[in-house]
């Protein structure tokens, strides 16, 4: 099987396992919004965003090492898994020690919406961190073994369990925010048990006799990922915290609703990136690696821009369909968020260069630029233009990180990013955003959006056809 076909195969398997389940969550978004309300939806988004950051901090981002070292046949998989589990358990236990600190902050700091909220849900947040960390480590190890089918099936299984627990805790017991969080915790526990049994993970766990040299290497790779994770968290979700504090949880709920649909692009990219990182690591010593990167990025870029343009074309009716009535206004905040997510996909792709070359410190430095820009622009723009300011801040941050990485990664892999196509597509998406923001005539609105969408497809279809030929083994391009 050629490397392009292997990449396509892994992507398809992962997509089958994850996209359908994640799409189901989006379909159920209207249910969550109606049960939790605008304020509750904003609150639960803030709690989950916080817990996501705490998982990376508590586990020292060891999951990044589990996948990187687990994919490399030079390292013993039992040692990799055992080190990952031990770090996760110890870090999760430490998380329980800092729970009282969260409670103490609400009594010391001036009145703060976010701190008060986190104090109320501090215990369940700590449990969420523990179960989420264990699930992530187990799932990443399964993927590092090349068992993408089990990894995909677990994605479906976890989502089904999550929805069932949601129905139980939200509809039957009417537990509100606490019920939503409990459903995620219970689903993660079920996932850990499922992966342990189906993946025979107990055979890989060694309680004593850890390889100290490997442990040091894994921590050296993972620990620089912690500030990187913090920076990404700042870029991805700090805008929600700014909106929650400056405008209230009702407005942050609308902002999260606006972000939810564009994040489907990130979901597609994330599925591909999981398969791509596996291929990139396997091909790291290939003499045609530069051509491999160039060919794959060209097709990936084209696909993401077409999907982004298609989303902007349909954003208004789709949000009206999947969101509860009070959230319908969210569509006007999506143009810059779609652009932000598109460039976040490209940033992730460029980040694979750092993963393969084990340059986690460079990943941290480039991300820090985006985080600094995000904080500054959020503080400046949200008081001036409200939710639009948060969207613009996120968009500019990703653009900055991408173009820095384009320059920096050339030191390790020289690839052609097709700058002219990037600029043409970017201008096209900005034009669609302008129409969404300012055009009031519905006929003109959809006619112009459709025309620009067709243009984007025309600009990008050749790269997609070329990739199909490479997958089928009919391409004439080297790499």
Protein backbone atom coordinates (compact mmCIF):
# COMPACT_ATOMS: atom_id res chain seq x y z
CA UNK A 1 0.00 0.00 0.00
CA UNK A 2 1.54 3.35 -1.03
CA UNK A 3 1.86 6.08 1.60
CA UNK A 4 -0.93 8.17 0.11
CA UNK A 5 -3.32 5.23 0.12
CA UNK A 6 -2.32 4.39 3.71
CA UNK A 7 -3.00 7.98 4.76
CA UNK A 8 -6.38 7.93 3.01
CA UNK A 9 -7.27 4.57 4.57
CA UNK A 10 -6.47 5.70 8.11
CA UNK A 11 -8.36 8.96 7.56
CA UNK A 12 -11.47 7.14 6.34
CA UNK A 13 -11.46 4.71 9.28
CA UNK A 14 -11.04 7.53 11.79
CA UNK A 15 -13.73 9.57 10.05
CA UNK A 16 -16.21 6.69 10.22
CA UNK A 17 -15.54 6.37 13.93
CA UNK A 18 -15.58 10.03 14.87
CA UNK A 19 -17.34 12.28 12.40
CA UNK A 20 -20.74 10.63 12.65
CA UNK A 21 -20.66 10.68 16.44
CA UNK A 22 -19.53 14.32 16.59
CA UNK A 23 -22.14 15.32 14.03
CA UNK A 24 -24.76 13.74 16.29
CA UNK A 25 -23.60 16.00 19.12
CA UNK A 26 -24.08 19.05 16.87
CA UNK A 27 -27.55 17.82 15.91
CA UNK A 28 -28.36 17.57 19.62
CA UNK A 29 -27.07 21.10 20.28
CA UNK A 30 -30.62 22.45 20.09
CA UNK A 31 -31.60 19.98 22.84
CA UNK A 32 -28.74 21.09 25.09
CA UNK A 33 -29.55 24.76 24.52
CA UNK A 34 -33.24 24.30 25.29
CA UNK A 35 -32.51 22.31 28.47
CA UNK A 36 -29.67 24.49 29.77
CA UNK A 37 -30.78 27.87 28.38
CA UNK A 38 -28.51 30.64 27.07
CA UNK A 39 -26.82 31.26 30.42
CA UNK A 40 -26.46 27.58 31.31
CA UNK A 41 -25.04 26.78 27.88
CA UNK A 42 -22.48 29.55 28.35
CA UNK A 43 -21.62 28.29 31.85
CA UNK A 44 -21.12 24.67 30.80
CA UNK A 45 -18.90 25.76 27.90
CA UNK A 46 -16.72 27.74 30.32
CA UNK A 47 -16.40 24.79 32.72
CA UNK A 48 -15.46 22.36 29.96
CA UNK A 49 -12.94 24.78 28.47
CA UNK A 50 -11.31 25.05 31.92
CA UNK A 51 -11.29 21.28 32.44
CA UNK A 52 -9.69 20.76 29.03
CA UNK A 53 -6.79 22.96 30.06
CA UNK A 54 -6.49 21.26 33.46
CA UNK A 55 -6.23 17.84 31.81
CA UNK A 56 -3.13 18.92 29.91
CA UNK A 57 -1.61 20.60 32.97
CA UNK A 58 -2.33 17.74 35.36
CA UNK A 59 -1.02 15.04 33.01
CA UNK A 60 2.01 17.11 31.91
CA UNK A 61 0.72 16.67 28.34
CA UNK A 62 2.07 13.10 28.50
CA UNK A 63 -0.45 12.04 25.86
CA UNK A 64 1.66 13.86 23.25
CA UNK A 65 4.59 11.64 24.17
CA UNK A 66 2.47 8.49 24.24
CA UNK A 67 1.44 8.96 20.61
CA UNK A 68 4.86 10.20 19.43
CA UNK A 69 6.97 7.50 21.11
CA UNK A 70 4.33 4.79 20.71
CA UNK A 71 4.34 5.22 16.94
CA UNK A 72 8.13 4.88 16.83
CA UNK A 73 9.15 1.20 16.69
CA UNK A 74 12.45 2.06 18.36
CA UNK A 75 10.72 2.21 21.75
CA UNK A 76 9.10 -0.52 23.87
CA UNK A 77 5.32 -0.01 23.81
CA UNK A 78 4.79 -1.44 27.29
CA UNK A 79 7.20 1.10 28.72
CA UNK A 80 5.56 3.93 26.78
CA UNK A 81 2.08 2.98 27.99
CA UNK A 82 3.13 2.39 31.60
CA UNK A 83 4.93 5.72 31.86
CA UNK A 84 1.93 7.47 30.32
CA UNK A 85 -0.54 5.89 32.76
CA UNK A 86 1.61 6.59 35.84
CA UNK A 87 2.10 10.24 34.95
CA UNK A 88 -1.63 10.59 34.26
CA UNK A 89 -2.64 9.03 37.59
CA UNK A 90 -0.17 11.08 39.63
CA UNK A 91 -1.14 14.28 37.85
CA UNK A 92 -4.86 13.63 38.31
CA UNK A 93 -4.31 13.00 42.02
CA UNK A 94 -2.48 16.34 42.27
CA UNK A 95 -5.46 18.01 40.64
CA UNK A 96 -7.56 17.14 43.68
CA UNK A 97 -5.10 19.03 45.88
CA UNK A 98 -5.61 22.28 43.98
CA UNK A 99 -9.42 22.14 44.16
CA UNK A 100 -9.47 24.07 47.49
CA UNK A 101 -7.32 26.73 45.82
CA UNK A 102 -10.09 27.40 43.29
CA UNK A 103 -12.56 27.77 46.14
CA UNK A 104 -10.20 30.10 47.99
CA UNK A 105 -9.81 32.41 45.01
CA UNK A 106 -13.51 33.25 44.97
CA UNK A 107 -13.20 34.62 48.49
CA UNK A 108 -9.98 36.55 47.92
CA UNK A 109 -10.34 38.05 44.43
CA UNK A 110 -12.88 40.74 43.55
CA UNK A 111 -16.21 39.42 42.32
CA UNK A 112 -15.56 37.47 39.12
CA UNK A 113 -18.15 35.54 37.11
CA UNK A 114 -15.77 32.82 35.96
CA UNK A 115 -14.04 32.17 39.31
CA UNK A 116 -17.39 32.04 41.11
CA UNK A 117 -18.66 29.51 38.57
CA UNK A 118 -15.56 27.31 38.82
CA UNK A 119 -15.77 27.36 42.62
CA UNK A 120 -19.32 26.01 42.46
CA UNK A 121 -18.29 23.10 40.21
CA UNK A 122 -14.74 22.53 41.47
CA UNK A 123 -15.17 18.93 42.69
CA UNK A 124 -16.86 17.61 39.56
CA UNK A 125 -14.27 19.48 37.49
CA UNK A 126 -11.49 17.56 39.27
CA UNK A 127 -13.26 14.26 38.58
CA UNK A 128 -13.72 15.33 34.95
CA UNK A 129 -9.97 15.94 34.69
CA UNK A 130 -9.10 12.51 36.11
CA UNK A 131 -11.43 10.50 33.86
CA UNK A 132 -10.66 12.63 30.81
CA UNK A 133 -6.90 12.20 31.31
CA UNK A 134 -7.18 8.42 31.62
CA UNK A 135 -9.41 8.13 28.58
CA UNK A 136 -7.05 10.28 26.50
CA UNK A 137 -3.93 8.29 27.46
CA UNK A 138 -5.58 4.93 26.76
CA UNK A 139 -7.06 6.08 23.44
CA UNK A 140 -3.81 7.62 22.23
CA UNK A 141 -1.89 4.47 23.06
CA UNK A 142 -4.37 2.34 21.14
CA UNK A 143 -3.88 4.65 18.14
CA UNK A 144 -0.09 4.55 18.53
CA UNK A 145 -0.26 0.76 18.14
CA UNK A 146 -1.86 1.30 14.75
CA UNK A 147 -5.25 0.00 15.91
CA UNK A 148 -7.18 2.85 14.33
CA UNK A 149 -10.32 0.74 14.01
CA UNK A 150 -10.60 0.22 17.76
CA UNK A 151 -9.81 3.90 18.28
CA UNK A 152 -12.62 4.79 15.87
CA UNK A 153 -15.11 2.38 17.43
CA UNK A 154 -14.33 3.83 20.85
CA UNK A 155 -15.23 7.28 19.52
CA UNK A 156 -18.68 6.01 18.53
CA UNK A 157 -19.12 4.07 21.77
CA UNK A 158 -18.13 7.04 23.96
CA UNK A 159 -20.51 9.40 22.16
CA UNK A 160 -23.42 6.98 22.45
CA UNK A 161 -22.77 6.53 26.18
CA UNK A 162 -22.46 10.30 26.60
CA UNK A 163 -25.82 10.91 24.93
CA UNK A 164 -27.52 8.18 26.97
CA UNK A 165 -26.18 9.63 30.21
CA UNK A 166 -27.23 13.10 29.01
CA UNK A 167 -30.79 11.90 28.55
CA UNK A 168 -30.72 10.27 31.99
CA UNK A 169 -29.23 13.16 33.96
CA UNK A 170 -30.77 16.07 32.01
CA UNK A 171 -34.25 14.78 31.12
CA UNK A 172 -34.99 12.21 33.84
CA UNK A 173 -33.17 13.67 36.85
CA UNK A 174 -33.14 17.28 35.55
CA UNK A 175 -29.69 17.95 37.00
CA UNK A 176 -28.77 20.81 34.67
CA UNK A 177 -25.07 21.68 34.42
CA UNK A 178 -24.07 19.04 36.95
CA UNK A 179 -25.93 16.39 34.94
CA UNK A 180 -24.12 17.38 31.75
CA UNK A 181 -20.72 17.10 33.43
CA UNK A 182 -21.60 13.79 35.09
CA UNK A 183 -22.62 12.37 31.72
CA UNK A 184 -19.16 13.14 30.29
CA UNK A 185 -17.43 11.63 33.34
CA UNK A 186 -19.48 8.43 33.15
CA UNK A 187 -18.93 8.13 29.39
CA UNK A 188 -15.16 8.50 29.86
CA UNK A 189 -15.15 5.77 32.53
CA UNK A 190 -17.01 3.46 30.14
CA UNK A 191 -14.48 4.29 27.43
CA UNK A 192 -11.48 3.43 29.64
CA UNK A 193 -13.05 0.07 30.53
CA UNK A 194 -13.91 -0.62 26.89
CA UNK A 195 -10.41 0.20 25.62
CA UNK A 196 -8.75 -1.77 28.41
CA UNK A 197 -10.76 -4.87 27.58
CA UNK A 198 -10.81 -4.68 23.78
CA UNK A 199 -7.23 -3.44 23.45
CA UNK A 200 -5.81 -5.82 26.09
CA UNK A 201 -4.16 -2.81 27.68
CA UNK A 202 -3.54 -4.58 30.98
CA UNK A 203 -0.88 -6.67 29.19
CA UNK A 204 1.08 -3.50 28.46
CA UNK A 205 1.08 -2.09 31.97
CA UNK A 206 4.24 -2.56 34.04
CA UNK A 207 3.95 -1.39 37.65
CA UNK A 208 7.66 -1.47 38.45
CA UNK A 209 10.89 -1.28 36.44
CA UNK A 210 10.28 1.79 34.33
CA UNK A 211 12.92 2.66 31.74
CA UNK A 212 14.30 5.86 33.28
CA UNK A 213 15.99 6.97 30.08
CA UNK A 214 12.74 6.64 28.14
CA UNK A 215 10.79 8.36 30.91
CA UNK A 216 13.16 11.32 30.78
CA UNK A 217 12.89 11.45 26.99
CA UNK A 218 9.08 11.35 27.10
CA UNK A 219 8.93 14.08 29.75
CA UNK A 220 11.45 16.21 27.85
CA UNK A 221 9.18 16.01 24.83
CA UNK A 222 5.92 16.46 26.76
CA UNK A 223 6.73 19.17 29.30
CA UNK A 224 7.42 21.92 26.71
CA UNK A 225 3.98 21.02 25.38
CA UNK A 226 2.43 22.35 28.60
CA UNK A 227 3.06 26.03 27.87
CA UNK A 228 2.18 25.26 24.25
CA UNK A 229 -1.14 23.81 25.42
CA UNK A 230 -1.72 26.85 27.61
CA UNK A 231 -1.03 29.10 24.64
CA UNK A 232 -3.43 27.15 22.43
CA UNK A 233 -6.02 27.30 25.17
CA UNK A 234 -5.59 31.06 25.30
CA UNK A 235 -6.07 31.31 21.52
CA UNK A 236 -8.97 28.86 21.41
CA UNK A 237 -11.03 29.65 24.49
CA UNK A 238 -9.77 32.71 26.32
CA UNK A 239 -12.14 34.74 24.16
CA UNK A 240 -15.01 32.85 25.82
CA UNK A 241 -13.72 33.89 29.23
CA UNK A 242 -13.35 37.50 28.11
CA UNK A 243 -16.90 37.49 26.72
CA UNK A 244 -18.26 35.79 29.87
CA UNK A 245 -16.63 38.35 32.15
CA UNK A 246 -17.20 41.48 30.04
CA UNK A 247 -20.59 40.67 28.47
CA UNK A 248 -22.05 37.89 30.65
CA UNK A 249 -22.72 34.16 30.25
CA UNK A 250 -25.74 34.78 28.01
CA UNK A 251 -23.52 36.42 25.38
CA UNK A 252 -20.83 33.76 25.81
CA UNK A 253 -23.51 31.13 25.16
CA UNK A 254 -24.35 32.82 21.85
CA UNK A 255 -20.64 33.06 21.02
CA UNK A 256 -20.12 29.33 21.68
CA UNK A 257 -23.13 28.55 19.51
CA UNK A 258 -21.57 30.62 16.71
CA UNK A 259 -18.28 28.75 17.18
CA UNK A 260 -19.85 25.28 17.27
CA UNK A 261 -20.55 24.90 13.56
CA UNK A 262 -17.19 26.26 12.32
CA UNK A 263 -15.57 23.82 14.72
CA UNK A 264 -16.92 21.03 12.51
CA UNK A 265 -14.16 22.06 10.10
CA UNK A 266 -11.65 21.62 12.92
CA UNK A 267 -13.18 18.20 13.62
CA UNK A 268 -12.61 17.12 10.02
CA UNK A 269 -9.08 18.49 10.19
CA UNK A 270 -8.47 16.79 13.53
CA UNK A 271 -9.47 13.42 12.11
CA UNK A 272 -7.13 13.93 9.18
CA UNK A 273 -4.33 15.21 11.44
CA UNK A 274 -4.45 12.04 13.53
CA UNK A 275 -3.87 9.96 10.41
CA UNK A 276 -1.38 12.48 9.00
CA UNK A 277 0.84 12.46 12.11
CA UNK A 278 1.02 8.67 11.91
CA UNK A 279 2.11 8.87 8.26
CA UNK A 280 4.51 11.77 8.84
CA UNK A 281 6.30 9.92 11.64
CA UNK A 282 6.52 6.72 9.61
CA UNK A 283 7.90 8.60 6.59
CA UNK A 284 10.27 10.88 8.51
CA UNK A 285 13.38 9.32 6.97
CA UNK A 286 12.05 9.16 3.42
CA UNK A 287 14.08 10.99 0.76
CA UNK A 288 10.84 12.24 -0.79
CA UNK A 289 9.41 13.59 2.47
CA UNK A 290 9.36 17.23 1.20
CA UNK A 291 7.26 16.24 -1.83
CA UNK A 292 5.00 14.20 0.45
CA UNK A 293 4.34 17.23 2.65
CA UNK A 294 3.81 19.52 -0.36
CA UNK A 295 1.37 17.20 -2.12
CA UNK A 296 -0.66 16.47 1.00
CA UNK A 297 -0.82 20.09 2.16
CA UNK A 298 -1.92 21.28 -1.27
CA UNK A 299 -4.91 18.92 -1.25
CA UNK A 300 -5.62 19.52 2.43
CA UNK A 301 -5.60 23.29 1.97
CA UNK A 302 -7.97 23.06 -0.99
CA UNK A 303 -10.40 20.78 0.86
CA UNK A 304 -10.50 22.99 3.97
CA UNK A 305 -11.12 26.17 1.97
CA UNK A 306 -13.94 24.54 -0.02
CA UNK A 307 -15.57 23.26 3.19
CA UNK A 308 -15.15 26.68 4.81
CA UNK A 309 -16.76 28.42 1.83
CA UNK A 310 -19.59 25.89 1.81
CA UNK A 311 -20.19 26.49 5.49
CA UNK A 312 -20.43 30.25 4.98
CA UNK A 313 -22.88 29.68 2.12
CA UNK A 314 -25.20 27.64 4.36
CA UNK A 315 -24.44 29.12 7.78
CA UNK A 316 -27.66 31.09 8.22
CA UNK A 317 -30.18 28.30 7.48
CA UNK A 318 -28.11 25.65 9.26
CA UNK A 319 -27.84 27.65 12.49
CA UNK A 320 -31.59 28.30 12.34
CA UNK A 321 -32.06 24.54 12.01
CA UNK A 322 -29.73 23.24 14.74
CA UNK A 323 -29.92 26.07 17.30
CA UNK A 324 -32.73 27.05 19.63
CA UNK A 325 -34.52 30.29 18.65
CA UNK A 326 -32.64 32.65 21.05
CA UNK A 327 -29.37 31.51 19.41
CA UNK A 328 -30.34 32.21 15.77
CA UNK A 329 -28.53 35.55 15.85
CA UNK A 330 -25.24 33.64 16.21
CA UNK A 331 -24.80 33.40 12.41
CA UNK A 332 -23.59 37.00 12.13
CA UNK A 333 -20.56 36.15 14.29
CA UNK A 334 -19.40 33.21 12.16
CA UNK A 335 -17.39 34.76 9.27
CA UNK A 336 -14.22 35.49 11.25
CA UNK A 337 -14.68 32.28 13.25
CA UNK A 338 -14.77 30.22 10.05
CA UNK A 339 -11.59 31.95 8.89
CA UNK A 340 -10.01 31.31 12.30
CA UNK A 341 -10.84 27.62 12.20
CA UNK A 342 -9.58 27.28 8.61
CA UNK A 343 -6.20 28.68 9.60
CA UNK A 344 -6.17 26.64 12.83
CA UNK A 345 -6.29 23.57 10.56
CA UNK A 346 -3.22 24.80 8.66
CA UNK A 347 -1.42 25.61 11.91
CA UNK A 348 -2.04 22.05 13.11
CA UNK A 349 -0.68 20.66 9.86
CA UNK A 350 2.49 22.71 10.15
CA UNK A 351 2.79 21.56 13.76
CA UNK A 352 3.31 18.00 12.54
CA UNK A 353 6.80 19.09 11.46
CA UNK A 354 7.62 19.88 15.09
CA UNK A 355 6.16 16.57 16.26
CA UNK A 356 8.19 14.52 13.79
CA UNK A 357 11.43 16.40 14.49
CA UNK A 358 10.74 16.49 18.27
CA UNK A 359 10.96 20.29 18.28
CA UNK A 360 8.30 20.90 20.94
CA UNK A 361 10.07 24.07 22.15
CA UNK A 362 9.71 25.68 18.72
CA UNK A 363 6.04 24.76 18.76
CA UNK A 364 5.74 26.55 22.09
CA UNK A 365 7.48 29.72 20.91
CA UNK A 366 5.41 30.08 17.73
CA UNK A 367 2.20 29.50 19.66
CA UNK A 368 3.17 32.11 22.25
CA UNK A 369 3.00 34.80 19.58
CA UNK A 370 -0.60 33.90 18.80
CA UNK A 371 -1.55 33.75 22.48
CA UNK A 372 -0.12 37.21 23.16
CA UNK A 373 -1.94 38.63 20.15
CA UNK A 374 -5.18 36.97 21.24
CA UNK A 375 -5.11 38.37 24.78
CA UNK A 376 -4.24 41.88 23.62
CA UNK A 377 -6.86 41.96 20.88
CA UNK A 378 -9.58 40.48 23.11
CA UNK A 379 -8.96 43.13 25.76
CA UNK A 380 -8.96 45.86 23.10
CA UNK A 381 -11.77 44.80 20.75
CA UNK A 382 -14.47 43.19 22.92
CA UNK A 383 -15.29 46.43 24.80
CA UNK A 384 -15.48 48.22 21.42
CA UNK A 385 -17.40 45.81 19.18
CA UNK A 386 -18.55 43.02 21.50
CA UNK A 387 -18.60 39.42 20.28
CA UNK A 388 -17.20 40.41 16.88
CA UNK A 389 -14.04 41.51 18.71
CA UNK A 390 -13.50 38.04 20.15
CA UNK A 391 -13.94 36.46 16.71
CA UNK A 392 -11.48 38.87 15.07
CA UNK A 393 -8.94 38.32 17.85
CA UNK A 394 -9.05 34.55 17.36
CA UNK A 395 -8.77 34.89 13.57
CA UNK A 396 -5.75 37.23 13.68
CA UNK A 397 -4.01 34.98 16.21
CA UNK A 398 -4.21 31.91 13.97
CA UNK A 399 -3.11 33.87 10.91
CA UNK A 400 -0.04 35.09 12.80
CA UNK A 401 0.95 31.63 14.04
CA UNK A 402 0.48 30.07 10.61
CA UNK A 403 2.71 32.49 8.73
CA UNK A 404 5.39 32.28 11.43
CA UNK A 405 5.34 28.48 11.18
CA UNK A 406 5.51 28.59 7.39
CA UNK A 407 8.85 30.35 7.73
CA UNK A 408 10.16 28.41 10.74
CA UNK A 409 9.36 24.87 9.56
CA UNK A 410 11.43 25.34 6.39
CA UNK A 411 14.45 24.61 8.61
CA UNK A 412 13.23 21.01 8.91
CA UNK A 413 11.05 20.28 5.87
CA UNK A 414 10.86 22.53 2.82
CA UNK A 415 7.37 22.44 1.38
CA UNK A 416 5.54 24.63 -1.09
CA UNK A 417 2.46 26.11 0.64
CA UNK A 418 1.13 27.61 -2.63
CA UNK A 419 0.97 31.15 -1.28
CA UNK A 420 -0.94 32.54 -4.26
CA UNK A 421 -3.72 30.02 -3.70
CA UNK A 422 -3.77 30.78 0.03
CA UNK A 423 -4.20 34.50 -0.63
CA UNK A 424 -6.90 33.99 -3.29
CA UNK A 425 -8.90 31.68 -1.04
CA UNK A 426 -8.50 33.93 1.99
CA UNK A 427 -9.78 36.97 0.08
CA UNK A 428 -12.73 34.88 -1.13
CA UNK A 429 -13.72 33.89 2.41
CA UNK A 430 -13.37 37.49 3.57
CA UNK A 431 -15.69 38.57 0.73
CA UNK A 432 -18.27 35.99 1.84
CA UNK A 433 -17.98 37.27 5.39
CA UNK A 434 -18.57 40.83 4.21
CA UNK A 435 -21.80 39.71 2.50
CA UNK A 436 -23.00 37.88 5.63
CA UNK A 437 -22.34 40.90 7.83
CA UNK A 438 -23.76 43.68 5.66
CA UNK A 439 -26.10 42.34 2.96
CA UNK A 440 -29.79 42.49 3.96
CA UNK A 441 -31.43 41.51 0.65
CA UNK A 442 -31.92 37.74 0.78
CA UNK A 443 -31.74 37.20 -3.00
CA UNK A 444 -28.50 39.15 -3.31
CA UNK A 445 -27.23 37.52 -0.11
CA UNK A 446 -27.46 33.95 -1.41
CA UNK A 447 -26.65 34.77 -5.05
CA UNK A 448 -23.33 36.43 -4.21
CA UNK A 449 -22.40 33.77 -1.66
CA UNK A 450 -23.14 31.00 -4.18
CA UNK A 451 -21.06 32.74 -6.88
CA UNK A 452 -18.05 33.07 -4.57
CA UNK A 453 -18.43 29.45 -3.47
CA UNK A 454 -18.33 28.27 -7.09
CA UNK A 455 -15.19 30.36 -7.62
CA UNK A 456 -13.51 28.75 -4.58
CA UNK A 457 -14.35 25.29 -5.92
CA UNK A 458 -12.87 26.23 -9.30
CA UNK A 459 -9.64 27.45 -7.70
CA UNK A 460 -9.19 24.28 -5.64
CA UNK A 461 -10.59 21.29 -7.49
CA UNK A 462 -7.36 20.42 -9.35
CA UNK A 463 -5.40 19.80 -6.14
CA UNK A 464 -8.09 17.44 -4.88
CA UNK A 465 -8.13 15.49 -8.16
CA UNK A 466 -4.34 15.23 -8.07
CA UNK A 467 -4.48 13.72 -4.56
CA UNK A 468 -7.09 11.18 -5.65
CA UNK A 469 -4.74 10.08 -8.45
CA UNK A 470 -1.85 9.73 -5.98
CA UNK A 471 -4.00 7.63 -3.65
CA UNK A 472 -4.96 5.40 -6.57
CA UNK A 473 -1.32 5.11 -7.60
CA UNK A 474 -1.85 6.94 -10.89
CA UNK A 475 -0.09 10.18 -10.02
CA UNK A 476 3.09 11.12 -11.86
CA UNK A 477 4.39 13.47 -9.17
CA UNK A 478 7.33 12.33 -7.07
CA UNK A 479 6.62 11.67 -3.38
